[in-house]
Protein backbone atom coordinates (compact mmCIF):
# COMPACT_ATOMS: atom_id res chain seq x y z
CA UNK A 1 -6.68 8.20 -15.67
CA UNK A 2 -3.16 8.14 -14.94
CA UNK A 3 -0.35 7.98 -17.08
CA UNK A 4 2.18 4.94 -15.84
CA UNK A 5 5.63 4.38 -16.90
CA UNK A 6 6.59 0.85 -17.75
CA UNK A 7 9.89 -0.93 -17.63
CA UNK A 8 10.03 -0.59 -21.30
CA UNK A 9 9.94 3.20 -21.16
CA UNK A 10 6.27 2.91 -22.71
CA UNK A 11 3.31 5.10 -21.33
CA UNK A 12 -0.18 3.38 -20.61
CA UNK A 13 -3.00 5.42 -19.46
CA UNK A 14 -5.16 3.14 -16.88
CA UNK A 15 -8.19 4.11 -15.06
CA UNK A 16 -7.82 4.48 -11.45
CA UNK A 17 -10.44 3.69 -9.18
CA UNK A 18 -10.37 6.35 -6.45
CA UNK A 19 -10.29 5.47 -2.50
CA UNK A 20 -10.65 8.34 -0.49
CA UNK A 21 -8.65 6.83 2.71
CA UNK A 22 -5.67 6.20 0.35
CA UNK A 23 -5.67 9.80 -0.74
CA UNK A 24 -5.90 11.22 2.68
CA UNK A 25 -3.12 9.18 4.14
CA UNK A 26 -0.91 9.68 1.11
CA UNK A 27 -1.46 13.52 2.00
CA UNK A 28 -0.65 12.85 5.81
CA UNK A 29 2.64 10.51 5.16
CA UNK A 30 4.06 13.35 2.43
CA UNK A 31 3.29 10.45 -0.45
CA UNK A 32 1.16 13.04 -2.99
CA UNK A 33 3.95 12.51 -5.89
CA UNK A 34 2.94 8.72 -5.72
CA UNK A 35 0.39 6.69 -7.69
CA UNK A 36 -0.95 4.19 -5.27
CA UNK A 37 -3.15 1.50 -7.03
CA UNK A 38 -4.97 -1.15 -5.76
CA UNK A 39 -6.03 -4.55 -6.83
CA UNK A 40 -8.49 -7.23 -5.31
CA UNK A 41 -6.64 -10.85 -6.00
CA UNK A 42 -7.89 -14.63 -4.92
CA UNK A 43 -6.83 -16.02 -2.05
CA UNK A 44 -5.65 -18.97 -4.08
CA UNK A 45 -3.11 -16.86 -5.63
CA UNK A 46 -1.45 -16.51 -2.52
CA UNK A 47 1.24 -18.97 -1.35
CA UNK A 48 2.15 -19.59 2.50
CA UNK A 49 6.19 -20.16 2.43
CA UNK A 50 5.52 -20.51 6.31
CA UNK A 51 2.81 -23.07 6.22
CA UNK A 52 4.57 -25.49 3.44
CA UNK A 53 3.47 -23.45 0.68
CA UNK A 54 -0.09 -23.65 0.94
CA UNK A 55 -2.59 -21.91 -1.19
CA UNK A 56 -5.79 -20.00 0.18
CA UNK A 57 -4.62 -17.66 2.49
CA UNK A 58 -5.76 -14.01 3.12
CA UNK A 59 -3.36 -11.20 2.21
CA UNK A 60 -3.00 -7.42 2.12
CA UNK A 61 0.73 -6.37 0.75
CA UNK A 62 2.29 -3.48 -1.42
CA UNK A 63 4.60 -3.99 -4.53
CA UNK A 64 6.42 -0.92 -4.74
CA UNK A 65 8.07 0.70 -7.64
CA UNK A 66 10.44 3.20 -6.52
CA UNK A 67 11.54 4.43 -9.92
CA UNK A 68 8.43 5.37 -10.80
CA UNK A 69 6.75 6.27 -7.70
CA UNK A 70 3.68 3.58 -8.01
CA UNK A 71 2.74 1.18 -5.21
CA UNK A 72 0.32 -1.24 -5.80
CA UNK A 73 -1.93 -2.87 -2.84
CA UNK A 74 -2.97 -6.31 -3.23
CA UNK A 75 -5.45 -7.39 -1.34
CA UNK A 76 -7.96 -10.46 -0.84
CA UNK A 77 -10.22 -8.76 1.17
CA UNK A 78 -11.85 -5.51 1.65
CA UNK A 79 -9.17 -2.92 2.83
CA UNK A 80 -9.33 -1.36 6.03
CA UNK A 81 -7.70 1.92 7.07
CA UNK A 82 -4.92 0.25 9.08
CA UNK A 83 -4.39 -2.04 6.17
CA UNK A 84 -3.65 1.20 4.28
CA UNK A 85 -1.94 3.19 6.60
CA UNK A 86 0.48 0.13 7.17
CA UNK A 87 1.05 -0.46 3.52
CA UNK A 88 1.94 3.38 2.83
CA UNK A 89 4.25 3.10 5.59
CA UNK A 90 6.21 0.52 3.83
CA UNK A 91 6.38 3.14 0.82
CA UNK A 92 7.26 6.18 3.02
CA UNK A 93 9.71 4.15 5.35
CA UNK A 94 10.74 1.36 3.12
CA UNK A 95 14.02 0.54 5.29
CA UNK A 96 11.64 0.32 8.61
CA UNK A 97 11.15 -3.35 10.03
CA UNK A 98 7.75 -5.03 10.12
CA UNK A 99 7.53 -4.32 13.97
CA UNK A 100 8.16 -0.64 13.52
CA UNK A 101 5.70 -0.26 10.57
CA UNK A 102 2.76 -2.06 13.18
CA UNK A 103 3.83 0.20 15.95
CA UNK A 104 3.61 3.45 13.99
CA UNK A 105 0.28 2.05 12.09
CA UNK A 106 -1.18 1.63 15.41
CA UNK A 107 -0.21 5.04 17.05
CA UNK A 108 -0.79 7.23 13.89
CA UNK A 109 -4.62 5.49 14.17
CA UNK A 110 -5.06 6.02 17.59
CA UNK A 111 -3.85 10.00 17.61
CA UNK A 112 -3.30 11.02 13.97
CA UNK A 113 -4.29 14.67 15.08
CA UNK A 114 -1.79 15.02 17.71
CA UNK A 115 1.18 13.53 15.55
CA UNK A 116 0.72 15.81 12.35
CA UNK A 117 0.75 19.02 14.53
CA UNK A 118 3.93 20.52 14.21
């Protein structure tokens, strides 16, 4: 159970599913003080503006609440490690471009040990 503070300043207890890969990458990226949730959604809930507002597209994305340090990863398919790293990089480095997040996602997954040795 996790306590979450809503916009109305009320605390709600929610049951959080544990995903070890999220926990692993939260620690590696310095996001241990964040609550990262994930929620499966239907492809019918996804509207692609670049495809003339059509429904029914695959999607993985994160909604970030910086005030309460809560991120929710929404996904239409099973989450893979690269999805998790990518979305957590958006939280950690929110000013980065999509291209930079893609670059670092690939780099971290190819050789994470060497990048985290200081």
